[in-house]
Amino acid sequence: MVETVGGGPDDGAAEVLDRPLPEGVRKRVVQIVSDGFGGLTVAELPAQLRQYARFAPNRRTKFAGNAMAAAVETDALFRQRIGERLREAQPELAGALDSGSPPPAADPLDVAAAAYVLRPAGWVKLVTAAGEEAQRADAERAGEESRAELERLREELDRARAHTRTETERLRTELETAKKEAESLHRKLRAALSDVKRGEAAVRKLQGEMETVRAEGQAQLSAAESEGRRLKARLGETEAALEAARRAAREGRSVEDMRVRLLLDTVLDAAQGLRRELALPPVSMRPAETVDAVEPGRMTPKDIAARALSDNDPAILDQLLALPQAHLVVDGYNVTKTGYPQMPLEKQRLRLLGQLSQLAAQTGAEMTCVFDGAELAAPVLLAPPRGVRVLFSKPGVTADELIRQLVRAEPPGRPVIVASTDREVADGVARAGARPVASAVLLKRFMRG
C-alpha cells in the first residue's frame, strides 16, 4: 500500500481550519487516534508518541491526549496511517465521507472527527458544521436544562411560599401564645417579687435576732472558755504538785533504799571477808580444843604497829581498794597538776582517766573522777573510759564541794577513799567518814602498773 502525504487540487489536505477544533470534535479525534494507535508499530509512531506504545487505550487517552492531537495536526503521514485504521474500522462512514454525503443519522461529532482525520474534500465545512451543530445542541440542551431548572425553581418557590405562609401562621399563633404566657409570667413574677421582698424583710429581721443570739452565745462561750482555762490551769498546778510530791517521795525512798542496800552489801561483803581472813570456825568448840598443849604466843599492839604500812606507801591504797564495795573519789586537777602539770588540761584529763580505767579493771572498785567545771565556757566533750565515772562541777560550785557532796551521799560504813592533796578537802571528807589519800600515793600506784 502506497502512503501519500498530499493530493491534487480536489484533495482536502489543502484545506485549512480557520478556528480552533471544537472540544467535542477534539475528544472524538483523540479517541480515534487512540483506537488506531495499537495497530501501528513503534517505528510507525512519531517520536513523541513512542513512549505511550505499551499503554492501555484508556491510559493512552488520559496521558497522551494532547500529544496525539498535536501529532494528527502536524504529522500528515501519521494522520494518513490513523485514517487507514479508521477506514478499516468504519468503512461505511469513510466511504460516505469520500462521496461527499455523510449519513444523516450519524452523530455530527463522529462525522466531524472522521472528516478531520481522513481529510476528504470539504472536511473543513464538515468540522465547522459539526461544531456549530454541537454548539446548537449544547445551546438547546442548555436551554432545556435552564427551562427545567427554571420550572424546578418555580416549583421550589411555590413550595417555599406555601411553607412560608404556613410557617408564618404557625409563628403568629405561637407568638400570640407566647405573649399570653409572657403576660402570665409577668403577673407571676410581680407576685414572686412581692413575696421575695417580704421574705427579705423577714430574713433581715431573723438575721438581726440571730446576731443578737450569736453575740450572747459568744459572750457566754468566752466566759465558759475563760473559766475552763482557769480550771485547767488549777488542775495542771494540782497535778504538777501531786506529781512533784510523788516524785519526791519516790526519790526519797529510792535514795534511802539504795543507801541501805549498799550498806547491807558492804556489811555482808565485809563479814564474809573478815570470816575468810580470820578463818573463823563454823562452831565455837572442836574436839581438838580439849587436848592440853602449848599454844603459840599472840601479837602485841607493838608488834602490829611495827608491821603497819606508811601513809605514802601505794600498797595502802591497794588494801583500801580491796575492801568490799570500795569507792575511790579522785580530785582530778589536784592529781594531774601534782603529777604532770606541764601538759595541757585536755591531755592531763585523758592521761588520768586512762590510768584510772586500768586501776578499775585491776581492782574492780567503783571510781569517780571529779574536775572543776566552774570556769568552763561550754561542756567538755569527753567519752568516759570503762569503769570510771567522770563529773564536772556546775557553775558556782567548786570541785571540792562536789567531792564533799559525793562523800555525804554514801551511806555510813561504806569504804570511801578520796585522793587529794588539798588539806581542806582531806579534812572535810575525813569528818564525813571517808579515808583521805594523798595524790602522790595514787600517782605512785599508777607508776607501779
Protein backbone atom coordinates (compact mmCIF):
# COMPACT_ATOMS: atom_id res chain seq x y z
CA MET A 1 0.00 0.00 0.00
CA VAL A 2 1.41 3.39 -1.03
CA GLU A 3 1.14 6.12 1.54
CA THR A 4 0.74 9.74 0.35
CA VAL A 5 1.11 12.91 2.20
CA GLY A 6 -0.54 15.34 -0.16
CA GLY A 7 -3.10 15.21 -3.03
CA GLY A 8 -4.41 17.02 -6.06
CA PRO A 9 -6.43 20.20 -6.30
CA ASP A 10 -9.54 18.48 -5.02
CA ASP A 11 -7.72 16.84 -2.15
CA GLY A 12 -8.92 18.06 1.27
CA ALA A 13 -5.36 18.15 2.60
CA ALA A 14 -5.01 21.64 1.16
CA GLU A 15 -7.90 22.97 3.22
CA VAL A 16 -7.12 24.73 6.49
CA LEU A 17 -9.34 25.08 9.57
CA ASP A 18 -9.52 28.78 10.46
CA ARG A 19 -10.76 28.27 14.03
CA PRO A 20 -9.91 26.04 16.95
CA LEU A 21 -11.14 22.48 16.79
CA PRO A 22 -14.36 22.21 18.80
CA GLU A 23 -13.81 20.42 22.12
CA GLY A 24 -16.31 17.67 21.36
CA VAL A 25 -14.69 17.00 17.97
CA ARG A 26 -11.23 17.05 19.55
CA LYS A 27 -12.21 14.38 22.10
CA ARG A 28 -13.57 12.15 19.29
CA VAL A 29 -10.37 12.69 17.25
CA VAL A 30 -8.21 11.68 20.27
CA GLN A 31 -10.37 8.56 20.71
CA ILE A 32 -9.93 7.64 17.02
CA VAL A 33 -6.16 8.09 17.30
CA SER A 34 -6.05 6.02 20.49
CA ASP A 35 -8.06 3.21 18.86
CA GLY A 36 -5.76 3.13 15.81
CA PHE A 37 -2.63 3.59 17.89
CA GLY A 38 -2.45 -0.05 18.85
CA GLY A 39 -2.35 -1.28 15.25
CA LEU A 40 0.88 0.57 14.48
CA THR A 41 4.43 -0.49 15.15
CA VAL A 42 6.79 1.58 17.22
CA ALA A 43 8.68 2.62 14.08
CA GLU A 44 5.44 3.92 12.51
CA LEU A 45 4.73 6.16 15.52
CA PRO A 46 6.04 9.73 15.81
CA ALA A 47 8.95 10.07 18.20
CA GLN A 48 6.90 11.93 20.83
CA LEU A 49 4.30 9.10 20.97
CA ARG A 50 6.56 6.08 21.16
CA GLN A 51 6.75 6.19 24.98
CA TYR A 52 2.98 5.54 25.08
CA ALA A 53 3.08 2.49 22.77
CA ARG A 54 2.57 0.00 25.62
CA PHE A 55 -0.15 1.98 27.38
CA ALA A 56 -3.70 0.70 27.50
CA PRO A 57 -6.20 2.72 25.36
CA ASN A 58 -7.76 4.44 28.38
CA ARG A 59 -4.42 5.40 29.90
CA ARG A 60 -3.15 6.45 26.49
CA THR A 61 -6.16 8.73 26.05
CA LYS A 62 -5.66 10.15 29.53
CA PHE A 63 -1.91 10.80 29.45
CA ALA A 64 -1.14 11.26 25.70
CA GLY A 65 -4.32 13.06 24.53
CA ASN A 66 -2.64 16.41 23.82
CA ALA A 67 0.38 14.77 22.19
CA MET A 68 -1.83 12.63 19.89
CA ALA A 69 -3.96 15.63 18.88
CA ALA A 70 -0.81 17.62 18.04
CA ALA A 71 0.67 14.68 16.04
CA VAL A 72 -2.50 14.28 13.94
CA GLU A 73 -2.49 18.01 13.24
CA THR A 74 1.19 18.32 12.26
CA ASP A 75 2.24 14.86 11.02
CA ALA A 76 0.40 14.11 7.77
CA LEU A 77 1.92 10.60 7.45
CA PHE A 78 0.80 9.65 10.95
CA ARG A 79 -2.64 11.12 10.21
CA GLN A 80 -2.80 9.06 6.99
CA ARG A 81 -1.95 5.86 8.89
CA ILE A 82 -4.61 6.58 11.52
CA GLY A 83 -7.03 7.30 8.66
CA GLU A 84 -6.33 3.88 7.18
CA ARG A 85 -7.10 2.24 10.52
CA LEU A 86 -10.30 4.28 10.65
CA ARG A 87 -11.31 3.15 7.18
CA GLU A 88 -10.78 -0.45 8.26
CA ALA A 89 -12.81 0.06 11.41
CA GLN A 90 -15.65 2.18 9.87
CA PRO A 91 -15.68 1.59 6.12
CA GLU A 92 -19.26 2.85 5.64
CA LEU A 93 -18.58 6.20 7.35
CA ALA A 94 -15.31 6.58 5.45
CA GLY A 95 -16.98 5.77 2.09
CA ALA A 96 -19.80 8.23 2.77
CA LEU A 97 -17.27 10.96 3.56
CA ASP A 98 -15.30 10.21 0.40
CA SER A 99 -18.51 10.50 -1.68
CA GLY A 100 -19.31 13.83 -0.03
CA SER A 101 -22.62 12.68 1.51
CA PRO A 102 -22.24 11.78 5.26
CA PRO A 103 -25.01 9.64 6.74
CA PRO A 104 -27.84 11.84 8.00
CA ALA A 105 -28.38 9.64 11.09
CA ALA A 106 -24.73 9.71 12.16
CA ASP A 107 -23.54 11.75 15.18
CA PRO A 108 -22.23 15.10 13.85
CA LEU A 109 -19.26 14.86 16.20
CA ASP A 110 -18.30 11.41 14.86
CA VAL A 111 -18.67 12.71 11.29
CA ALA A 112 -16.55 15.79 12.03
CA ALA A 113 -13.84 13.75 13.80
CA ALA A 114 -13.66 11.22 10.93
CA ALA A 115 -13.54 14.06 8.38
CA TYR A 116 -10.74 15.74 10.38
CA VAL A 117 -8.66 12.55 10.27
CA LEU A 118 -9.45 11.43 6.66
CA ARG A 119 -9.40 14.97 5.24
CA PRO A 120 -11.84 14.40 2.31
CA ALA A 121 -12.85 17.33 0.10
CA GLY A 122 -14.87 19.84 2.16
CA TRP A 123 -13.79 18.39 5.53
CA VAL A 124 -13.40 21.90 6.95
CA LYS A 125 -17.08 22.56 6.29
CA LEU A 126 -18.00 19.26 7.92
CA VAL A 127 -15.92 20.08 11.00
CA THR A 128 -17.29 23.63 11.14
CA ALA A 129 -20.86 22.40 10.66
CA ALA A 130 -20.35 19.72 13.30
CA GLY A 131 -19.00 22.34 15.66
CA GLU A 132 -21.94 24.64 15.01
CA GLU A 133 -24.32 21.71 15.34
CA ALA A 134 -22.66 20.74 18.61
CA GLN A 135 -22.92 24.33 19.79
CA ARG A 136 -26.59 24.46 18.82
CA ALA A 137 -27.13 21.13 20.53
CA ASP A 138 -25.30 22.42 23.58
CA ALA A 139 -27.31 25.61 23.45
CA GLU A 140 -30.56 23.69 23.09
CA ARG A 141 -29.50 21.33 25.82
CA ALA A 142 -28.53 24.26 27.99
CA GLY A 143 -31.87 25.92 27.17
CA GLU A 144 -33.74 22.76 28.07
CA GLU A 145 -31.75 22.47 31.26
CA SER A 146 -32.37 26.15 32.00
CA ARG A 147 -36.10 25.76 31.40
CA ALA A 148 -36.14 22.64 33.55
CA GLU A 149 -34.14 24.42 36.24
CA LEU A 150 -36.50 27.40 35.95
CA GLU A 151 -39.51 25.13 36.38
CA ARG A 152 -37.83 23.44 39.31
CA LEU A 153 -37.02 26.78 40.90
CA ARG A 154 -40.59 27.98 40.33
CA GLU A 155 -41.92 24.86 41.99
CA GLU A 156 -39.49 25.30 44.87
CA LEU A 157 -40.52 28.95 45.10
CA ASP A 158 -44.18 27.98 45.26
CA ARG A 159 -43.42 25.37 47.88
CA ALA A 160 -41.32 27.89 49.80
CA ARG A 161 -44.11 30.47 49.65
CA ALA A 162 -46.61 27.92 50.86
CA HIS A 163 -44.27 26.80 53.56
CA THR A 164 -43.61 30.43 54.47
CA ARG A 165 -47.32 31.14 54.75
CA THR A 166 -47.81 28.04 56.87
CA GLU A 167 -44.79 28.84 59.00
CA THR A 168 -45.91 32.46 59.34
CA GLU A 169 -49.33 31.36 60.56
CA ARG A 170 -47.72 28.91 62.96
CA LEU A 171 -45.29 31.52 64.26
CA ARG A 172 -48.11 34.07 64.58
CA THR A 173 -50.06 31.54 66.62
CA GLU A 174 -47.01 30.72 68.73
CA LEU A 175 -46.35 34.44 69.17
CA GLU A 176 -49.86 35.01 70.48
CA THR A 177 -49.45 32.06 72.81
CA ALA A 178 -46.04 33.35 73.93
CA LYS A 179 -47.49 36.82 74.57
CA LYS A 180 -50.20 35.31 76.73
CA GLU A 181 -47.64 33.18 78.57
CA ALA A 182 -45.38 36.24 78.99
CA GLU A 183 -48.24 38.24 80.49
CA SER A 184 -48.99 35.35 82.84
CA LEU A 185 -45.30 35.09 83.73
CA HIS A 186 -45.12 38.85 84.32
CA ARG A 187 -48.01 38.61 86.75
CA LYS A 188 -46.37 35.65 88.49
CA LEU A 189 -43.05 37.50 88.52
CA ARG A 190 -44.61 40.55 90.16
CA ALA A 191 -46.23 38.32 92.75
CA ALA A 192 -42.92 36.49 93.27
CA LEU A 193 -41.05 39.79 93.64
CA SER A 194 -43.55 40.88 96.24
CA ASP A 195 -43.05 37.57 98.07
CA VAL A 196 -39.26 37.96 97.80
CA LYS A 197 -39.37 41.44 99.31
CA ARG A 198 -41.48 40.18 102.19
CA GLY A 199 -39.07 37.24 102.59
CA GLU A 200 -36.04 39.55 102.56
CA ALA A 201 -37.63 41.69 105.25
CA ALA A 202 -38.28 38.57 107.33
CA VAL A 203 -34.71 37.35 106.70
CA ARG A 204 -33.26 40.69 107.80
CA LYS A 205 -35.33 40.54 110.94
CA LEU A 206 -34.22 36.96 111.62
CA GLN A 207 -30.59 37.90 110.90
CA GLY A 208 -30.80 40.69 113.47
CA GLU A 209 -32.26 38.32 116.04
CA MET A 210 -29.64 35.70 115.15
CA GLU A 211 -26.79 38.22 115.53
CA THR A 212 -28.12 39.14 118.96
CA VAL A 213 -28.34 35.47 119.96
CA ARG A 214 -24.88 34.82 118.50
CA ALA A 215 -23.37 37.73 120.42
CA GLU A 216 -24.93 36.49 123.64
CA GLY A 217 -23.75 32.95 122.92
CA GLN A 218 -20.26 34.19 122.07
CA ALA A 219 -20.09 36.10 125.33
CA GLN A 220 -21.25 33.04 127.27
CA LEU A 221 -18.79 30.87 125.36
CA SER A 222 -15.92 33.26 126.09
CA ALA A 223 -16.82 33.26 129.76
CA ALA A 224 -17.04 29.45 129.76
CA GLU A 225 -13.69 29.15 127.98
CA SER A 226 -12.07 31.55 130.45
CA GLU A 227 -13.47 29.56 133.36
CA GLY A 228 -12.36 26.32 131.67
CA ARG A 229 -8.85 27.65 131.16
CA ARG A 230 -8.72 28.78 134.81
CA LEU A 231 -9.90 25.37 135.99
CA LYS A 232 -7.45 23.62 133.66
CA ALA A 233 -4.63 25.79 134.98
CA ARG A 234 -5.58 24.96 138.59
CA LEU A 235 -5.90 21.29 137.66
CA GLY A 236 -2.50 21.39 135.96
CA GLU A 237 -0.95 23.05 139.02
CA THR A 238 -2.57 20.49 141.27
CA GLU A 239 -1.40 17.60 139.08
CA ALA A 240 2.11 19.09 138.90
CA ALA A 241 2.21 19.47 142.67
CA LEU A 242 0.92 15.94 143.12
CA GLU A 243 3.45 14.57 140.64
CA ALA A 244 6.24 16.53 142.34
CA ALA A 245 5.16 15.15 145.69
CA ARG A 246 5.06 11.63 144.29
CA ARG A 247 8.45 12.07 142.59
CA ALA A 248 9.97 13.43 145.79
CA ALA A 249 8.53 10.50 147.73
CA ARG A 250 9.82 8.03 145.13
CA GLU A 251 13.24 9.67 145.01
CA GLY A 252 13.45 9.80 148.79
CA ARG A 253 12.55 6.15 149.07
CA SER A 254 14.86 5.29 146.18
CA VAL A 255 17.85 7.09 147.69
CA GLU A 256 17.25 5.65 151.14
CA ASP A 257 16.68 2.16 149.70
CA MET A 258 19.88 2.49 147.66
CA ARG A 259 21.87 3.65 150.69
CA VAL A 260 20.50 0.86 152.89
CA ARG A 261 21.04 -1.78 150.21
CA LEU A 262 24.57 -0.56 149.52
CA LEU A 263 25.36 -0.52 153.26
CA LEU A 264 23.92 -4.02 153.62
CA ASP A 265 26.04 -5.28 150.71
CA THR A 266 29.06 -3.62 152.30
CA VAL A 267 28.41 -5.25 155.70
CA LEU A 268 27.82 -8.65 154.11
CA ASP A 269 30.94 -8.43 151.97
CA ALA A 270 32.96 -7.19 154.98
CA ALA A 271 31.62 -10.01 157.13
CA GLN A 272 32.47 -12.59 154.51
CA GLY A 273 35.92 -11.07 154.03
CA LEU A 274 36.50 -10.95 157.79
CA ARG A 275 35.39 -14.54 158.11
CA ARG A 276 37.78 -15.59 155.36
CA GLU A 277 40.61 -13.52 156.83
CA LEU A 278 40.13 -14.76 160.43
CA ALA A 279 39.25 -18.28 159.31
CA LEU A 280 36.53 -18.46 161.90
CA PRO A 281 35.42 -21.97 162.63
CA PRO A 282 31.84 -22.87 161.97
CA VAL A 283 31.35 -23.87 165.61
CA SER A 284 32.81 -22.44 168.80
CA MET A 285 34.23 -25.72 170.09
CA ARG A 286 36.04 -28.52 168.35
CA PRO A 287 37.28 -31.83 169.82
CA ALA A 288 40.89 -30.85 169.25
CA GLU A 289 40.48 -27.88 171.51
CA THR A 290 40.07 -30.22 174.51
CA VAL A 291 43.59 -31.52 174.12
CA ASP A 292 46.06 -29.97 176.50
CA ALA A 293 49.01 -28.37 174.68
CA VAL A 294 51.13 -25.28 174.49
CA GLU A 295 49.59 -22.51 172.31
CA PRO A 296 51.73 -20.02 170.34
CA GLY A 297 52.16 -16.51 171.68
CA ARG A 298 49.89 -13.74 170.42
CA MET A 299 50.99 -10.48 168.75
CA THR A 300 51.10 -7.43 170.92
CA PRO A 301 49.95 -3.94 169.76
CA LYS A 302 53.62 -3.02 169.45
CA ASP A 303 54.16 -5.91 167.01
CA ILE A 304 51.12 -4.85 164.98
CA ALA A 305 52.34 -1.23 164.74
CA ALA A 306 55.72 -2.48 163.58
CA ARG A 307 54.04 -4.24 160.66
CA ALA A 308 51.74 -1.23 159.65
CA LEU A 309 52.25 0.45 156.26
CA SER A 310 53.37 4.04 155.76
CA ASP A 311 50.79 6.62 154.59
CA ASN A 312 52.94 7.22 151.49
CA ASP A 313 53.12 3.53 150.55
CA PRO A 314 50.94 2.78 147.46
CA ALA A 315 50.23 -0.65 148.96
CA ILE A 316 47.92 1.02 151.45
CA LEU A 317 45.76 2.12 148.50
CA ASP A 318 45.60 -1.49 147.30
CA GLN A 319 44.41 -2.58 150.74
CA LEU A 320 41.77 0.11 150.83
CA LEU A 321 40.50 -0.69 147.29
CA ALA A 322 40.37 -4.38 148.23
CA LEU A 323 37.73 -3.63 150.88
CA PRO A 324 34.18 -4.71 149.98
CA GLN A 325 32.22 -2.15 147.91
CA ALA A 326 35.11 0.34 147.99
CA HIS A 327 34.58 3.68 146.19
CA LEU A 328 37.58 5.80 145.07
CA VAL A 329 36.83 9.53 144.54
CA VAL A 330 39.67 11.40 142.76
CA ASP A 331 40.24 15.18 142.84
CA GLY A 332 41.16 15.28 139.12
CA TYR A 333 43.11 18.50 138.61
CA ASN A 334 44.78 18.15 142.04
CA VAL A 335 46.24 14.79 140.94
CA THR A 336 47.20 15.86 137.39
CA LYS A 337 48.84 19.14 138.49
CA THR A 338 50.77 17.16 141.08
CA GLY A 339 51.96 14.51 138.63
CA TYR A 340 52.27 16.21 135.19
CA PRO A 341 51.45 19.95 135.43
CA GLN A 342 53.34 20.86 132.22
CA MET A 343 50.75 19.14 129.99
CA PRO A 344 47.61 20.92 128.64
CA LEU A 345 44.46 20.36 130.66
CA GLU A 346 42.86 18.19 127.97
CA LYS A 347 45.85 15.83 127.87
CA GLN A 348 46.02 15.83 131.69
CA ARG A 349 42.39 14.65 131.81
CA LEU A 350 42.89 11.96 129.19
CA ARG A 351 46.06 10.58 130.87
CA LEU A 352 44.48 10.45 134.32
CA LEU A 353 41.29 8.80 133.05
CA GLY A 354 43.27 6.17 131.16
CA GLN A 355 45.25 5.30 134.32
CA LEU A 356 42.07 5.16 136.41
CA SER A 357 40.48 2.84 133.86
CA GLN A 358 43.37 0.41 134.21
CA LEU A 359 43.18 0.60 138.02
CA ALA A 360 39.42 -0.06 137.94
CA ALA A 361 39.96 -3.10 135.75
CA GLN A 362 42.61 -4.42 138.21
CA THR A 363 40.73 -3.83 141.47
CA GLY A 364 37.04 -3.87 140.49
CA ALA A 365 36.39 -0.88 142.78
CA GLU A 366 33.96 1.93 141.91
CA MET A 367 35.81 5.05 140.74
CA THR A 368 34.66 8.64 140.31
CA CYS A 369 36.91 11.39 138.92
CA VAL A 370 35.86 15.00 139.67
CA PHE A 371 37.08 18.01 137.66
CA ASP A 372 36.44 21.68 138.37
CA GLY A 373 33.97 22.96 135.73
CA ALA A 374 33.21 26.38 137.21
CA GLU A 375 35.41 28.22 134.69
CA LEU A 376 34.34 26.28 131.58
CA ALA A 377 32.54 28.28 128.84
CA ALA A 378 30.89 25.15 127.42
CA PRO A 379 30.53 21.47 128.42
CA VAL A 380 33.62 19.32 127.77
CA LEU A 381 33.08 16.71 125.04
CA LEU A 382 34.52 13.55 126.51
CA ALA A 383 33.88 9.82 126.24
CA PRO A 384 34.35 8.42 129.79
CA PRO A 385 36.54 5.28 129.88
CA ARG A 386 35.16 1.96 131.03
CA GLY A 387 34.74 1.69 134.80
CA VAL A 388 35.29 5.40 135.58
CA ARG A 389 32.56 7.97 136.30
CA VAL A 390 33.60 11.47 135.17
CA LEU A 391 31.92 14.54 136.74
CA PHE A 392 32.40 18.29 136.25
CA SER A 393 31.19 20.74 138.89
CA LYS A 394 28.38 23.12 137.90
CA PRO A 395 28.92 26.90 137.56
CA GLY A 396 29.28 28.40 141.03
CA VAL A 397 30.23 25.04 142.56
CA THR A 398 33.86 24.00 143.08
CA ALA A 399 35.26 20.52 142.66
CA ASP A 400 35.96 20.40 146.43
CA GLU A 401 32.27 20.98 147.23
CA LEU A 402 31.23 18.33 144.68
CA ILE A 403 33.63 15.81 146.29
CA ARG A 404 32.14 16.50 149.74
CA GLN A 405 28.62 16.03 148.27
CA LEU A 406 29.67 12.66 146.86
CA VAL A 407 31.06 11.56 150.22
CA ARG A 408 27.91 12.69 152.08
CA ALA A 409 25.76 10.80 149.54
CA GLU A 410 27.37 7.49 150.57
CA PRO A 411 25.84 5.52 153.47
CA PRO A 412 27.80 5.44 156.74
CA GLY A 413 30.01 2.36 156.89
CA ARG A 414 30.85 2.10 153.19
CA PRO A 415 34.59 2.39 152.49
CA VAL A 416 35.11 5.66 150.54
CA ILE A 417 38.65 6.73 149.59
CA VAL A 418 39.36 10.32 148.42
CA ALA A 419 42.59 11.01 146.52
CA SER A 420 43.56 14.68 147.02
CA THR A 421 46.48 16.69 148.41
CA ASP A 422 44.17 19.59 149.32
CA ARG A 423 44.22 19.74 153.13
CA GLU A 424 40.75 21.30 153.31
CA VAL A 425 39.33 18.52 151.14
CA ALA A 426 41.11 15.83 153.17
CA ASP A 427 39.86 17.20 156.49
CA GLY A 428 36.32 17.63 155.20
CA VAL A 429 35.98 14.09 153.82
CA ALA A 430 37.61 12.64 156.94
CA ARG A 431 34.94 14.30 159.09
CA ALA A 432 32.28 12.77 156.75
CA GLY A 433 33.68 9.26 157.30
CA ALA A 434 35.87 8.88 154.17
CA ARG A 435 39.57 7.91 154.05
CA PRO A 436 41.79 10.62 152.51
CA VAL A 437 44.82 9.55 150.46
CA ALA A 438 47.48 11.88 149.08
CA SER A 439 47.61 12.41 145.30
CA ALA A 440 51.24 11.28 145.31
CA VAL A 441 50.15 7.83 146.62
CA LEU A 442 47.76 7.43 143.68
CA LEU A 443 50.47 8.54 141.23
CA LYS A 444 52.93 6.02 142.71
CA ARG A 445 50.28 3.30 142.32
CA PHE A 446 49.94 4.29 138.66
CA MET A 447 53.72 4.07 138.18
CA ARG A 448 53.77 0.59 139.67
CA GLY A 449 51.29 -0.55 136.98
